């Protein structure tokens, strides 16, 4: 399986932004819950890490077109 960084580098900025926004929407949905199951807590951690990776990739692409 390809490294996440490699997969990010092959996507365009618009695609990365769309994924980032989708993850943000999911985080807002989870935030509405009174409490989270262990699976949901894990999902939040995974989403936050992915969002950071996406943001870094977007910033790199905008800095070095």
C-alpha atoms as a PDB file:
ATOM      1  CA  UNK A   1       0.000   0.000   0.000  1.00  0.00           C
ATOM      2  CA  UNK A   2       1.232   3.502  -0.839  1.00  0.00           C
ATOM      3  CA  UNK A   3       2.406   5.819   1.889  1.00  0.00           C
ATOM      4  CA  UNK A   4      -0.172   8.503   2.859  1.00  0.00           C
ATOM      5  CA  UNK A   5       2.286  11.228   1.847  1.00  0.00           C
ATOM      6  CA  UNK A   6       2.613   9.764  -1.649  1.00  0.00           C
ATOM      7  CA  UNK A   7      -1.143   9.569  -2.025  1.00  0.00           C
ATOM      8  CA  UNK A   8      -1.504  13.206  -0.943  1.00  0.00           C
ATOM      9  CA  UNK A   9       1.112  14.408  -3.412  1.00  0.00           C
ATOM     10  CA  UNK A  10      -0.810  12.965  -6.362  1.00  0.00           C
ATOM     11  CA  UNK A  11      -4.028  14.860  -5.561  1.00  0.00           C
ATOM     12  CA  UNK A  12      -4.785  18.422  -6.584  1.00  0.00           C
ATOM     13  CA  UNK A  13      -5.430  21.191  -4.068  1.00  0.00           C
ATOM     14  CA  UNK A  14      -9.189  21.285  -4.696  1.00  0.00           C
ATOM     15  CA  UNK A  15      -9.503  17.565  -3.991  1.00  0.00           C
ATOM     16  CA  UNK A  16      -7.460  17.938  -0.806  1.00  0.00           C
ATOM     17  CA  UNK A  17      -9.628  20.835   0.337  1.00  0.00           C
ATOM     18  CA  UNK A  18     -12.817  18.865  -0.323  1.00  0.00           C
ATOM     19  CA  UNK A  19     -11.565  15.948   1.748  1.00  0.00           C
ATOM     20  CA  UNK A  20     -10.475  18.321   4.526  1.00  0.00           C
ATOM     21  CA  UNK A  21     -13.947  19.912   4.577  1.00  0.00           C
ATOM     22  CA  UNK A  22     -15.621  16.497   4.666  1.00  0.00           C
ATOM     23  CA  UNK A  23     -13.522  15.533   7.670  1.00  0.00           C
ATOM     24  CA  UNK A  24     -14.361  18.813   9.392  1.00  0.00           C
ATOM     25  CA  UNK A  25     -18.066  18.117   8.845  1.00  0.00           C
ATOM     26  CA  UNK A  26     -17.715  14.653  10.388  1.00  0.00           C
ATOM     27  CA  UNK A  27     -15.883  16.103  13.410  1.00  0.00           C
ATOM     28  CA  UNK A  28     -18.731  18.578  13.941  1.00  0.00           C
ATOM     29  CA  UNK A  29     -21.230  15.708  13.826  1.00  0.00           C
ATOM     30  CA  UNK A  30     -19.265  13.750  16.412  1.00  0.00           C
ATOM     31  CA  UNK A  31     -18.907  16.853  18.571  1.00  0.00           C
ATOM     32  CA  UNK A  32     -22.701  17.027  18.878  1.00  0.00           C
ATOM     33  CA  UNK A  33     -22.750  13.703  20.735  1.00  0.00           C
ATOM     34  CA  UNK A  34     -23.038  13.850  24.486  1.00  0.00           C
ATOM     35  CA  UNK A  35     -20.404  11.144  24.818  1.00  0.00           C
ATOM     36  CA  UNK A  36     -18.390   9.132  22.342  1.00  0.00           C
ATOM     37  CA  UNK A  37     -17.915   5.391  22.145  1.00  0.00           C
ATOM     38  CA  UNK A  38     -14.331   4.114  22.082  1.00  0.00           C
ATOM     39  CA  UNK A  39     -14.689   3.628  18.331  1.00  0.00           C
ATOM     40  CA  UNK A  40     -15.858   7.215  17.868  1.00  0.00           C
ATOM     41  CA  UNK A  41     -13.009   8.498  20.044  1.00  0.00           C
ATOM     42  CA  UNK A  42     -10.588   6.620  17.834  1.00  0.00           C
ATOM     43  CA  UNK A  43     -12.288   7.986  14.730  1.00  0.00           C
ATOM     44  CA  UNK A  44     -11.814  11.543  16.046  1.00  0.00           C
ATOM     45  CA  UNK A  45      -8.085  10.889  16.517  1.00  0.00           C
ATOM     46  CA  UNK A  46      -7.731   9.466  13.008  1.00  0.00           C
ATOM     47  CA  UNK A  47      -9.682  12.346  11.468  1.00  0.00           C
ATOM     48  CA  UNK A  48      -7.574  14.975  13.239  1.00  0.00           C
ATOM     49  CA  UNK A  49      -4.336  13.371  12.048  1.00  0.00           C
ATOM     50  CA  UNK A  50      -5.631  13.124   8.486  1.00  0.00           C
ATOM     51  CA  UNK A  51      -6.781  16.754   8.550  1.00  0.00           C
ATOM     52  CA  UNK A  52      -3.288  17.844   9.641  1.00  0.00           C
ATOM     53  CA  UNK A  53      -1.692  15.818   6.847  1.00  0.00           C
ATOM     54  CA  UNK A  54      -4.109  17.343   4.337  1.00  0.00           C
ATOM     55  CA  UNK A  55      -3.440  20.864   5.579  1.00  0.00           C
ATOM     56  CA  UNK A  56       0.319  20.308   5.288  1.00  0.00           C
ATOM     57  CA  UNK A  57      -0.082  18.949   1.760  1.00  0.00           C
ATOM     58  CA  UNK A  58      -2.257  21.899   0.743  1.00  0.00           C
ATOM     59  CA  UNK A  59       0.273  24.367   2.150  1.00  0.00           C
ATOM     60  CA  UNK A  60       3.153  22.629   0.328  1.00  0.00           C
ATOM     61  CA  UNK A  61       1.288  22.620  -2.974  1.00  0.00           C
ATOM     62  CA  UNK A  62       0.388  26.294  -2.631  1.00  0.00           C
ATOM     63  CA  UNK A  63       3.991  27.182  -1.744  1.00  0.00           C
ATOM     64  CA  UNK A  64       5.526  25.118  -4.554  1.00  0.00           C
ATOM     65  CA  UNK A  65       3.100  24.940  -7.486  1.00  0.00           C
END
